[in-house]
Amino acid sequence: MSLTKNKKMKKSIVFLFAIAVFSQFSMAQKIKFGIKAGANYSTITDKPESSNLTSFHAGAILELKTPIIGIQPEILYSSQGTKINGQEDLKLNYISVPIVLKYYITKLSFEVGPQFSYLISKSLPKDDKSIKDSDIGVLGGVGLNIVGGLFAQARYVVGLSKNTNFDNGKNNVFQLSMGYKF
């Protein structure tokens, strides 16, 4: 057998092996779409006399799941901010894109990942215009598949980037969610 035929045969075997491995992985993987909504309890660090602002988040999810691990990208409308002096709200409305890595133990999942957010509107005291348009954070939390497609999640998102031009203020958000996967 010539050297050229031998190389072609090896390439064919490698190609067939790659297809077999990929098809096994893709068969073990489940893809589900879903929706979720819930409450946000947020604050901005380095804001004097500030307290938690209660607001909400809602959006869509895509879950790519194997029996043990999964990836869940989401797109959410998320209202965040803080209360200043217990009276005025500094409210920031974002389109957030968390990319969540999930580790499953039966119906429970542990979640971690980055979150990228873009500011779409703001309501600020004293017409303050010093809020930045983007925000980067990291999240951690737990999820519970309740029954069928119904699920619940609890997460904490810690801001990594400053969201103001005048101090070291960063978004911190605790989220409680309910959702349904189709």
N, C-alpha and C. Protein backbone atom coordinates (compact mmCIF):
# COMPACT_ATOMS: atom_id res chain seq x y z
N MET A 1 0.85 -1.17 0.00
CA MET A 1 0.00 0.00 0.00
C MET A 1 0.90 1.24 0.00
N SER A 2 0.56 2.22 -0.78
CA SER A 2 1.39 3.41 -0.88
C SER A 2 1.19 4.31 0.35
N LEU A 3 2.12 5.21 0.54
CA LEU A 3 2.09 6.13 1.67
C LEU A 3 0.88 7.05 1.59
N THR A 4 0.49 7.49 0.41
CA THR A 4 -0.67 8.37 0.22
C THR A 4 -1.96 7.66 0.62
N LYS A 5 -2.13 6.42 0.20
CA LYS A 5 -3.33 5.66 0.56
C LYS A 5 -3.38 5.43 2.07
N ASN A 6 -2.25 5.20 2.69
CA ASN A 6 -2.18 4.97 4.12
C ASN A 6 -2.62 6.23 4.89
N LYS A 7 -2.18 7.41 4.44
CA LYS A 7 -2.57 8.67 5.08
C LYS A 7 -4.06 8.92 4.92
N LYS A 8 -4.61 8.64 3.73
CA LYS A 8 -6.04 8.81 3.50
C LYS A 8 -6.84 7.89 4.40
N MET A 9 -6.37 6.66 4.56
CA MET A 9 -7.07 5.71 5.41
C MET A 9 -7.06 6.16 6.87
N LYS A 10 -5.92 6.66 7.34
CA LYS A 10 -5.83 7.17 8.71
C LYS A 10 -6.76 8.36 8.91
N LYS A 11 -6.80 9.28 7.95
CA LYS A 11 -7.69 10.42 8.04
C LYS A 11 -9.14 9.99 8.08
N SER A 12 -9.50 8.99 7.29
CA SER A 12 -10.87 8.47 7.28
C SER A 12 -11.23 7.86 8.62
N ILE A 13 -10.32 7.12 9.21
CA ILE A 13 -10.58 6.50 10.51
C ILE A 13 -10.74 7.57 11.59
N VAL A 14 -9.86 8.56 11.60
CA VAL A 14 -9.95 9.65 12.57
C VAL A 14 -11.27 10.40 12.38
N PHE A 15 -11.65 10.67 11.14
CA PHE A 15 -12.90 11.36 10.85
C PHE A 15 -14.10 10.56 11.35
N LEU A 16 -14.14 9.27 11.09
CA LEU A 16 -15.24 8.42 11.54
C LEU A 16 -15.28 8.34 13.07
N PHE A 17 -14.11 8.27 13.71
CA PHE A 17 -14.05 8.25 15.17
C PHE A 17 -14.59 9.56 15.74
N ALA A 18 -14.20 10.69 15.15
CA ALA A 18 -14.68 11.99 15.62
C ALA A 18 -16.20 12.09 15.48
N ILE A 19 -16.76 11.62 14.38
CA ILE A 19 -18.21 11.63 14.19
C ILE A 19 -18.89 10.76 15.25
N ALA A 20 -18.33 9.58 15.53
CA ALA A 20 -18.92 8.69 16.53
C ALA A 20 -18.91 9.33 17.92
N VAL A 21 -17.80 9.95 18.31
CA VAL A 21 -17.71 10.60 19.62
C VAL A 21 -18.67 11.78 19.69
N PHE A 22 -18.71 12.62 18.66
CA PHE A 22 -19.60 13.77 18.64
C PHE A 22 -21.06 13.35 18.71
N SER A 23 -21.43 12.31 17.97
CA SER A 23 -22.83 11.88 17.97
C SER A 23 -23.23 11.32 19.33
N GLN A 24 -22.31 10.62 20.01
CA GLN A 24 -22.62 10.13 21.34
C GLN A 24 -22.82 11.28 22.32
N PHE A 25 -21.97 12.31 22.24
CA PHE A 25 -22.11 13.46 23.12
C PHE A 25 -23.39 14.22 22.83
N SER A 26 -23.71 14.41 21.56
CA SER A 26 -24.90 15.17 21.21
C SER A 26 -26.18 14.41 21.57
N MET A 27 -26.15 13.06 21.54
CA MET A 27 -27.32 12.29 21.95
C MET A 27 -27.55 12.39 23.45
N ALA A 28 -26.47 12.48 24.22
CA ALA A 28 -26.58 12.57 25.67
C ALA A 28 -26.99 13.96 26.12
N GLN A 29 -26.96 14.91 25.23
CA GLN A 29 -27.24 16.28 25.57
C GLN A 29 -28.70 16.61 25.31
N LYS A 30 -29.33 17.29 26.28
CA LYS A 30 -30.70 17.76 26.12
C LYS A 30 -30.67 19.27 25.94
N ILE A 31 -31.50 19.76 25.04
CA ILE A 31 -31.61 21.19 24.81
C ILE A 31 -33.03 21.61 25.16
N LYS A 32 -33.14 22.59 26.06
CA LYS A 32 -34.45 23.08 26.47
C LYS A 32 -34.46 24.60 26.45
N PHE A 33 -35.59 25.14 26.02
CA PHE A 33 -35.83 26.58 26.08
C PHE A 33 -36.73 26.84 27.27
N GLY A 34 -36.69 28.05 27.79
CA GLY A 34 -37.55 28.35 28.92
C GLY A 34 -37.68 29.84 29.16
N ILE A 35 -38.52 30.15 30.14
CA ILE A 35 -38.72 31.53 30.58
C ILE A 35 -38.55 31.56 32.10
N LYS A 36 -38.20 32.73 32.61
CA LYS A 36 -38.06 32.87 34.06
C LYS A 36 -38.35 34.30 34.46
N ALA A 37 -38.72 34.48 35.72
CA ALA A 37 -38.96 35.81 36.27
C ALA A 37 -38.77 35.72 37.78
N GLY A 38 -38.50 36.87 38.39
CA GLY A 38 -38.34 36.85 39.83
C GLY A 38 -37.99 38.20 40.40
N ALA A 39 -37.61 38.17 41.66
CA ALA A 39 -37.32 39.39 42.42
C ALA A 39 -35.82 39.66 42.47
N ASN A 40 -35.47 40.92 42.42
CA ASN A 40 -34.10 41.40 42.62
C ASN A 40 -34.05 42.18 43.93
N TYR A 41 -33.02 41.94 44.73
CA TYR A 41 -32.73 42.73 45.91
C TYR A 41 -31.33 43.26 45.68
N SER A 42 -31.21 44.54 45.30
CA SER A 42 -29.92 45.05 44.83
C SER A 42 -29.46 46.25 45.63
N THR A 43 -28.16 46.47 45.56
CA THR A 43 -27.54 47.65 46.14
C THR A 43 -26.31 48.00 45.30
N ILE A 44 -25.82 49.19 45.49
CA ILE A 44 -24.58 49.63 44.84
C ILE A 44 -23.58 49.93 45.94
N THR A 45 -22.41 49.32 45.86
CA THR A 45 -21.40 49.53 46.89
C THR A 45 -20.90 50.97 46.84
N ASP A 46 -20.33 51.42 47.93
CA ASP A 46 -19.74 52.77 48.07
C ASP A 46 -20.75 53.89 47.90
N LYS A 47 -22.02 53.63 48.11
CA LYS A 47 -23.02 54.70 48.12
C LYS A 47 -23.35 54.99 49.58
N PRO A 48 -23.07 56.19 50.08
CA PRO A 48 -23.33 56.49 51.49
C PRO A 48 -24.84 56.42 51.78
N GLU A 49 -25.15 55.86 52.93
CA GLU A 49 -26.53 55.76 53.42
C GLU A 49 -27.47 55.11 52.39
N SER A 50 -27.02 54.05 51.77
CA SER A 50 -27.87 53.36 50.81
C SER A 50 -28.36 52.04 51.39
N SER A 51 -29.47 51.56 50.84
CA SER A 51 -30.03 50.28 51.27
C SER A 51 -30.56 49.54 50.05
N ASN A 52 -31.00 48.31 50.27
CA ASN A 52 -31.47 47.47 49.16
C ASN A 52 -32.68 48.05 48.46
N LEU A 53 -32.67 47.91 47.15
CA LEU A 53 -33.82 48.27 46.31
C LEU A 53 -34.45 46.96 45.86
N THR A 54 -35.74 46.82 46.03
CA THR A 54 -36.46 45.64 45.58
C THR A 54 -37.05 45.92 44.21
N SER A 55 -36.74 45.05 43.24
CA SER A 55 -37.24 45.21 41.87
C SER A 55 -37.41 43.83 41.26
N PHE A 56 -37.27 43.69 39.96
CA PHE A 56 -37.55 42.40 39.32
C PHE A 56 -36.63 42.14 38.14
N HIS A 57 -36.69 40.89 37.65
CA HIS A 57 -36.01 40.48 36.41
C HIS A 57 -36.91 39.49 35.70
N ALA A 58 -36.77 39.42 34.38
CA ALA A 58 -37.57 38.47 33.57
C ALA A 58 -36.85 38.26 32.25
N GLY A 59 -37.01 37.04 31.68
CA GLY A 59 -36.38 36.79 30.40
C GLY A 59 -36.46 35.35 29.96
N ALA A 60 -35.56 35.01 29.02
CA ALA A 60 -35.56 33.69 28.39
C ALA A 60 -34.25 32.97 28.68
N ILE A 61 -34.32 31.62 28.69
CA ILE A 61 -33.14 30.80 28.93
C ILE A 61 -33.02 29.73 27.85
N LEU A 62 -31.81 29.22 27.70
CA LEU A 62 -31.53 28.08 26.84
C LEU A 62 -30.64 27.16 27.66
N GLU A 63 -31.08 25.93 27.92
CA GLU A 63 -30.30 25.00 28.72
C GLU A 63 -29.76 23.88 27.85
N LEU A 64 -28.45 23.70 27.86
CA LEU A 64 -27.77 22.59 27.18
C LEU A 64 -27.27 21.70 28.30
N LYS A 65 -27.83 20.50 28.41
CA LYS A 65 -27.60 19.67 29.59
C LYS A 65 -27.13 18.27 29.23
N THR A 66 -26.10 17.82 29.93
CA THR A 66 -25.72 16.41 29.97
C THR A 66 -26.16 15.92 31.35
N PRO A 67 -26.01 14.65 31.66
CA PRO A 67 -26.46 14.18 32.98
C PRO A 67 -25.79 14.87 34.18
N ILE A 68 -24.57 15.36 34.01
CA ILE A 68 -23.84 15.92 35.15
C ILE A 68 -23.63 17.43 35.05
N ILE A 69 -23.33 17.94 33.86
CA ILE A 69 -23.06 19.37 33.71
C ILE A 69 -23.96 19.97 32.65
N GLY A 70 -24.05 21.29 32.68
CA GLY A 70 -24.84 21.99 31.68
C GLY A 70 -24.35 23.42 31.54
N ILE A 71 -24.79 24.05 30.45
CA ILE A 71 -24.53 25.46 30.21
C ILE A 71 -25.88 26.10 29.96
N GLN A 72 -26.13 27.23 30.62
CA GLN A 72 -27.41 27.90 30.48
C GLN A 72 -27.20 29.39 30.19
N PRO A 73 -27.13 29.77 28.91
CA PRO A 73 -27.12 31.20 28.60
C PRO A 73 -28.54 31.75 28.76
N GLU A 74 -28.61 33.00 29.17
CA GLU A 74 -29.91 33.65 29.40
C GLU A 74 -29.87 35.06 28.82
N ILE A 75 -31.03 35.61 28.56
CA ILE A 75 -31.15 37.03 28.24
C ILE A 75 -32.28 37.56 29.11
N LEU A 76 -31.94 38.56 29.95
CA LEU A 76 -32.87 39.04 30.97
C LEU A 76 -33.00 40.56 30.93
N TYR A 77 -34.21 41.02 31.24
CA TYR A 77 -34.40 42.42 31.61
C TYR A 77 -34.24 42.43 33.12
N SER A 78 -33.33 43.25 33.64
CA SER A 78 -33.06 43.26 35.07
C SER A 78 -33.04 44.68 35.60
N SER A 79 -33.94 44.97 36.52
CA SER A 79 -34.02 46.28 37.15
C SER A 79 -33.24 46.22 38.46
N GLN A 80 -32.23 47.09 38.60
CA GLN A 80 -31.33 47.06 39.75
C GLN A 80 -31.14 48.47 40.27
N GLY A 81 -30.33 48.61 41.31
CA GLY A 81 -30.01 49.92 41.84
C GLY A 81 -29.90 49.91 43.34
N THR A 82 -30.29 51.03 43.97
CA THR A 82 -30.22 51.16 45.42
C THR A 82 -31.18 52.24 45.88
N LYS A 83 -31.52 52.22 47.16
CA LYS A 83 -32.28 53.31 47.78
C LYS A 83 -31.26 54.20 48.50
N ILE A 84 -31.38 55.50 48.32
CA ILE A 84 -30.48 56.44 48.97
C ILE A 84 -31.25 57.16 50.07
N ASN A 85 -30.69 57.14 51.27
CA ASN A 85 -31.32 57.72 52.46
C ASN A 85 -32.72 57.16 52.70
N GLY A 86 -32.98 55.94 52.24
CA GLY A 86 -34.28 55.31 52.45
C GLY A 86 -35.42 55.95 51.70
N GLN A 87 -35.14 56.94 50.83
CA GLN A 87 -36.21 57.67 50.15
C GLN A 87 -36.10 57.62 48.64
N GLU A 88 -34.99 58.12 48.09
CA GLU A 88 -34.84 58.21 46.64
C GLU A 88 -34.32 56.90 46.07
N ASP A 89 -34.85 56.51 44.92
CA ASP A 89 -34.36 55.32 44.23
C ASP A 89 -33.38 55.70 43.14
N LEU A 90 -32.26 55.02 43.12
CA LEU A 90 -31.34 55.09 41.99
C LEU A 90 -31.61 53.78 41.25
N LYS A 91 -32.37 53.85 40.16
CA LYS A 91 -32.82 52.65 39.46
C LYS A 91 -32.12 52.55 38.11
N LEU A 92 -31.53 51.36 37.86
CA LEU A 92 -30.81 51.09 36.63
C LEU A 92 -31.44 49.88 35.96
N ASN A 93 -31.85 50.01 34.72
CA ASN A 93 -32.49 48.92 33.99
C ASN A 93 -31.54 48.40 32.93
N TYR A 94 -31.24 47.10 33.01
CA TYR A 94 -30.24 46.47 32.15
C TYR A 94 -30.85 45.36 31.30
N ILE A 95 -30.22 45.11 30.17
CA ILE A 95 -30.36 43.83 29.47
C ILE A 95 -29.13 43.04 29.90
N SER A 96 -29.35 41.95 30.61
CA SER A 96 -28.26 41.15 31.16
C SER A 96 -28.17 39.81 30.44
N VAL A 97 -26.93 39.37 30.24
CA VAL A 97 -26.68 38.08 29.59
C VAL A 97 -25.75 37.27 30.51
N PRO A 98 -26.34 36.48 31.42
CA PRO A 98 -25.51 35.56 32.19
C PRO A 98 -25.24 34.28 31.39
N ILE A 99 -24.05 33.74 31.54
CA ILE A 99 -23.69 32.46 30.92
C ILE A 99 -23.32 31.54 32.08
N VAL A 100 -24.24 30.65 32.41
CA VAL A 100 -24.18 29.89 33.64
C VAL A 100 -23.68 28.46 33.39
N LEU A 101 -22.65 28.06 34.12
CA LEU A 101 -22.18 26.68 34.12
C LEU A 101 -22.87 26.00 35.29
N LYS A 102 -23.53 24.86 35.02
CA LYS A 102 -24.32 24.17 36.05
C LYS A 102 -23.74 22.78 36.31
N TYR A 103 -23.69 22.41 37.58
CA TYR A 103 -23.28 21.07 37.99
C TYR A 103 -24.49 20.45 38.70
N TYR A 104 -24.98 19.32 38.18
CA TYR A 104 -26.21 18.72 38.67
C TYR A 104 -25.95 17.60 39.67
N ILE A 105 -26.71 17.61 40.75
CA ILE A 105 -26.80 16.51 41.70
C ILE A 105 -28.29 16.24 41.84
N THR A 106 -28.76 15.21 41.20
CA THR A 106 -30.19 14.87 41.08
C THR A 106 -30.97 16.09 40.59
N LYS A 107 -31.91 16.60 41.37
CA LYS A 107 -32.73 17.74 40.94
C LYS A 107 -32.10 19.09 41.29
N LEU A 108 -31.01 19.06 42.02
CA LEU A 108 -30.33 20.27 42.47
C LEU A 108 -29.16 20.59 41.54
N SER A 109 -28.94 21.88 41.27
CA SER A 109 -27.77 22.28 40.48
C SER A 109 -27.05 23.43 41.18
N PHE A 110 -25.74 23.39 41.10
CA PHE A 110 -24.91 24.48 41.58
C PHE A 110 -24.48 25.28 40.36
N GLU A 111 -24.56 26.62 40.46
CA GLU A 111 -24.38 27.48 39.28
C GLU A 111 -23.29 28.52 39.51
N VAL A 112 -22.53 28.78 38.46
CA VAL A 112 -21.49 29.80 38.51
C VAL A 112 -21.26 30.31 37.08
N GLY A 113 -20.87 31.57 36.96
CA GLY A 113 -20.56 32.08 35.63
C GLY A 113 -20.49 33.60 35.57
N PRO A 114 -20.11 34.11 34.42
CA PRO A 114 -20.05 35.56 34.23
C PRO A 114 -21.41 36.12 33.82
N GLN A 115 -21.57 37.42 34.02
CA GLN A 115 -22.78 38.11 33.55
C GLN A 115 -22.35 39.43 32.93
N PHE A 116 -22.85 39.68 31.73
CA PHE A 116 -22.57 40.91 31.00
C PHE A 116 -23.89 41.68 30.88
N SER A 117 -23.86 42.96 31.22
CA SER A 117 -25.09 43.75 31.20
C SER A 117 -24.88 45.06 30.47
N TYR A 118 -25.97 45.51 29.81
CA TYR A 118 -25.95 46.78 29.10
C TYR A 118 -27.11 47.64 29.62
N LEU A 119 -26.80 48.85 30.04
CA LEU A 119 -27.78 49.79 30.59
C LEU A 119 -28.71 50.29 29.50
N ILE A 120 -30.02 50.12 29.69
CA ILE A 120 -30.99 50.61 28.70
C ILE A 120 -31.77 51.82 29.19
N SER A 121 -31.89 52.00 30.52
CA SER A 121 -32.53 53.21 31.05
C SER A 121 -32.12 53.38 32.51
N LYS A 122 -32.28 54.61 33.00
CA LYS A 122 -31.90 54.90 34.38
C LYS A 122 -32.82 55.96 34.95
N SER A 123 -33.02 55.89 36.24
CA SER A 123 -33.78 56.87 37.00
C SER A 123 -32.91 57.26 38.18
N LEU A 124 -32.35 58.46 38.12
CA LEU A 124 -31.35 58.87 39.10
C LEU A 124 -31.80 60.08 39.89
N PRO A 125 -31.45 60.15 41.17
CA PRO A 125 -31.74 61.35 41.94
C PRO A 125 -30.88 62.52 41.45
N LYS A 126 -31.44 63.71 41.51
CA LYS A 126 -30.71 64.95 41.18
C LYS A 126 -30.11 64.93 39.79
N ASP A 127 -30.74 64.25 38.86
CA ASP A 127 -30.32 64.21 37.45
C ASP A 127 -28.85 63.85 37.29
N ASP A 128 -28.39 62.89 38.08
CA ASP A 128 -27.02 62.41 38.02
C ASP A 128 -26.82 61.62 36.73
N LYS A 129 -25.86 61.99 35.89
CA LYS A 129 -25.64 61.32 34.61
C LYS A 129 -24.30 60.56 34.57
N SER A 130 -23.83 60.11 35.71
CA SER A 130 -22.49 59.54 35.76
C SER A 130 -22.47 58.01 35.75
N ILE A 131 -23.54 57.36 35.35
CA ILE A 131 -23.60 55.90 35.32
C ILE A 131 -23.06 55.40 33.98
N LYS A 132 -22.23 54.36 34.04
CA LYS A 132 -21.66 53.78 32.83
C LYS A 132 -22.67 52.88 32.13
N ASP A 133 -22.49 52.69 30.81
CA ASP A 133 -23.45 51.93 30.00
C ASP A 133 -23.33 50.42 30.12
N SER A 134 -22.23 49.91 30.65
CA SER A 134 -22.07 48.45 30.73
C SER A 134 -21.66 48.03 32.13
N ASP A 135 -21.90 46.77 32.42
CA ASP A 135 -21.58 46.23 33.73
C ASP A 135 -21.16 44.77 33.55
N ILE A 136 -20.13 44.35 34.26
CA ILE A 136 -19.67 42.97 34.23
C ILE A 136 -19.69 42.44 35.65
N GLY A 137 -20.21 41.23 35.81
CA GLY A 137 -20.27 40.62 37.13
C GLY A 137 -20.02 39.13 37.06
N VAL A 138 -19.98 38.51 38.22
CA VAL A 138 -19.86 37.06 38.33
C VAL A 138 -20.96 36.59 39.27
N LEU A 139 -21.55 35.43 38.95
CA LEU A 139 -22.67 34.94 39.75
C LEU A 139 -22.40 33.57 40.31
N GLY A 140 -23.09 33.28 41.39
CA GLY A 140 -23.06 31.97 42.00
C GLY A 140 -24.43 31.70 42.59
N GLY A 141 -24.84 30.45 42.59
CA GLY A 141 -26.14 30.14 43.15
C GLY A 141 -26.51 28.69 43.05
N VAL A 142 -27.78 28.41 43.32
CA VAL A 142 -28.33 27.06 43.26
C VAL A 142 -29.63 27.08 42.48
N GLY A 143 -29.93 25.96 41.85
CA GLY A 143 -31.20 25.78 41.15
C GLY A 143 -31.84 24.49 41.58
N LEU A 144 -33.15 24.42 41.45
CA LEU A 144 -33.89 23.22 41.82
C LEU A 144 -34.93 22.94 40.75
N ASN A 145 -34.84 21.77 40.11
CA ASN A 145 -35.88 21.32 39.18
C ASN A 145 -36.99 20.71 40.02
N ILE A 146 -38.14 21.37 40.06
CA ILE A 146 -39.21 20.98 40.98
C ILE A 146 -39.99 19.79 40.44
N VAL A 147 -40.71 19.99 39.35
CA VAL A 147 -41.47 18.91 38.71
C VAL A 147 -41.71 19.31 37.26
N GLY A 148 -41.64 18.34 36.36
CA GLY A 148 -41.81 18.66 34.95
C GLY A 148 -40.76 19.67 34.54
N GLY A 149 -41.18 20.78 33.94
CA GLY A 149 -40.27 21.83 33.54
C GLY A 149 -40.15 22.97 34.53
N LEU A 150 -40.87 22.90 35.65
CA LEU A 150 -40.87 23.98 36.64
C LEU A 150 -39.57 23.97 37.44
N PHE A 151 -38.96 25.16 37.60
CA PHE A 151 -37.71 25.25 38.36
C PHE A 151 -37.67 26.53 39.18
N ALA A 152 -36.80 26.53 40.18
CA ALA A 152 -36.55 27.69 41.04
C ALA A 152 -35.05 27.91 41.12
N GLN A 153 -34.64 29.18 41.27
CA GLN A 153 -33.22 29.51 41.38
C GLN A 153 -33.01 30.61 42.41
N ALA A 154 -31.86 30.56 43.08
CA ALA A 154 -31.40 31.62 43.96
C ALA A 154 -29.96 31.92 43.58
N ARG A 155 -29.67 33.21 43.31
CA ARG A 155 -28.34 33.61 42.85
C ARG A 155 -27.90 34.89 43.53
N TYR A 156 -26.58 35.04 43.59
CA TYR A 156 -26.00 36.31 44.00
C TYR A 156 -25.04 36.75 42.90
N VAL A 157 -25.22 37.96 42.40
CA VAL A 157 -24.37 38.51 41.35
C VAL A 157 -23.53 39.63 41.96
N VAL A 158 -22.22 39.48 41.87
CA VAL A 158 -21.28 40.48 42.40
C VAL A 158 -20.71 41.25 41.23
N GLY A 159 -20.86 42.57 41.26
CA GLY A 159 -20.31 43.40 40.21
C GLY A 159 -18.79 43.44 40.26
N LEU A 160 -18.16 43.32 39.09
CA LEU A 160 -16.71 43.40 39.00
C LEU A 160 -16.25 44.76 38.46
N SER A 161 -17.11 45.41 37.70
CA SER A 161 -16.73 46.69 37.10
C SER A 161 -17.42 47.84 37.82
N LYS A 162 -16.71 48.97 37.88
CA LYS A 162 -17.31 50.18 38.44
C LYS A 162 -18.45 50.61 37.52
N ASN A 163 -19.59 50.97 38.10
CA ASN A 163 -20.69 51.41 37.25
C ASN A 163 -20.91 52.92 37.29
N THR A 164 -20.03 53.63 38.01
CA THR A 164 -20.12 55.08 38.04
C THR A 164 -18.77 55.69 37.67
N ASN A 165 -18.79 56.95 37.31
CA ASN A 165 -17.56 57.65 36.96
C ASN A 165 -16.93 58.36 38.15
N PHE A 166 -17.62 58.40 39.30
CA PHE A 166 -17.13 59.22 40.39
C PHE A 166 -16.70 58.44 41.63
N ASP A 167 -17.00 57.15 41.72
CA ASP A 167 -16.59 56.37 42.89
C ASP A 167 -16.38 54.91 42.48
N ASN A 168 -16.23 54.05 43.45
CA ASN A 168 -16.01 52.63 43.17
C ASN A 168 -17.30 51.82 43.26
N GLY A 169 -18.43 52.43 43.00
CA GLY A 169 -19.71 51.76 43.10
C GLY A 169 -19.83 50.59 42.13
N LYS A 170 -20.29 49.46 42.66
CA LYS A 170 -20.49 48.25 41.85
C LYS A 170 -21.86 47.67 42.21
N ASN A 171 -22.51 47.08 41.21
CA ASN A 171 -23.80 46.43 41.44
C ASN A 171 -23.62 45.12 42.19
N ASN A 172 -24.47 44.88 43.16
CA ASN A 172 -24.59 43.59 43.84
C ASN A 172 -26.07 43.26 43.88
N VAL A 173 -26.42 42.05 43.43
CA VAL A 173 -27.84 41.70 43.30
C VAL A 173 -28.07 40.27 43.80
N PHE A 174 -29.06 40.12 44.68
CA PHE A 174 -29.54 38.80 45.07
C PHE A 174 -30.83 38.56 44.30
N GLN A 175 -30.92 37.42 43.59
CA GLN A 175 -32.08 37.13 42.74
C GLN A 175 -32.76 35.84 43.18
N LEU A 176 -34.08 35.88 43.26
CA LEU A 176 -34.92 34.69 43.45
C LEU A 176 -35.78 34.58 42.22
N SER A 177 -35.78 33.39 41.57
CA SER A 177 -36.47 33.21 40.29
C SER A 177 -37.32 31.96 40.29
N MET A 178 -38.37 32.00 39.51
CA MET A 178 -39.16 30.82 39.14
C MET A 178 -39.23 30.81 37.64
N GLY A 179 -39.29 29.60 37.06
CA GLY A 179 -39.35 29.52 35.61
C GLY A 179 -39.89 28.19 35.14
N TYR A 180 -39.98 28.09 33.82
CA TYR A 180 -40.48 26.87 33.20
C TYR A 180 -39.66 26.58 31.96
N LYS A 181 -39.20 25.31 31.84
CA LYS A 181 -38.44 24.87 30.66
C LYS A 181 -39.35 24.00 29.79
N PHE A 182 -39.35 24.27 28.49
CA PHE A 182 -40.20 23.53 27.56
C PHE A 182 -39.46 22.36 26.95
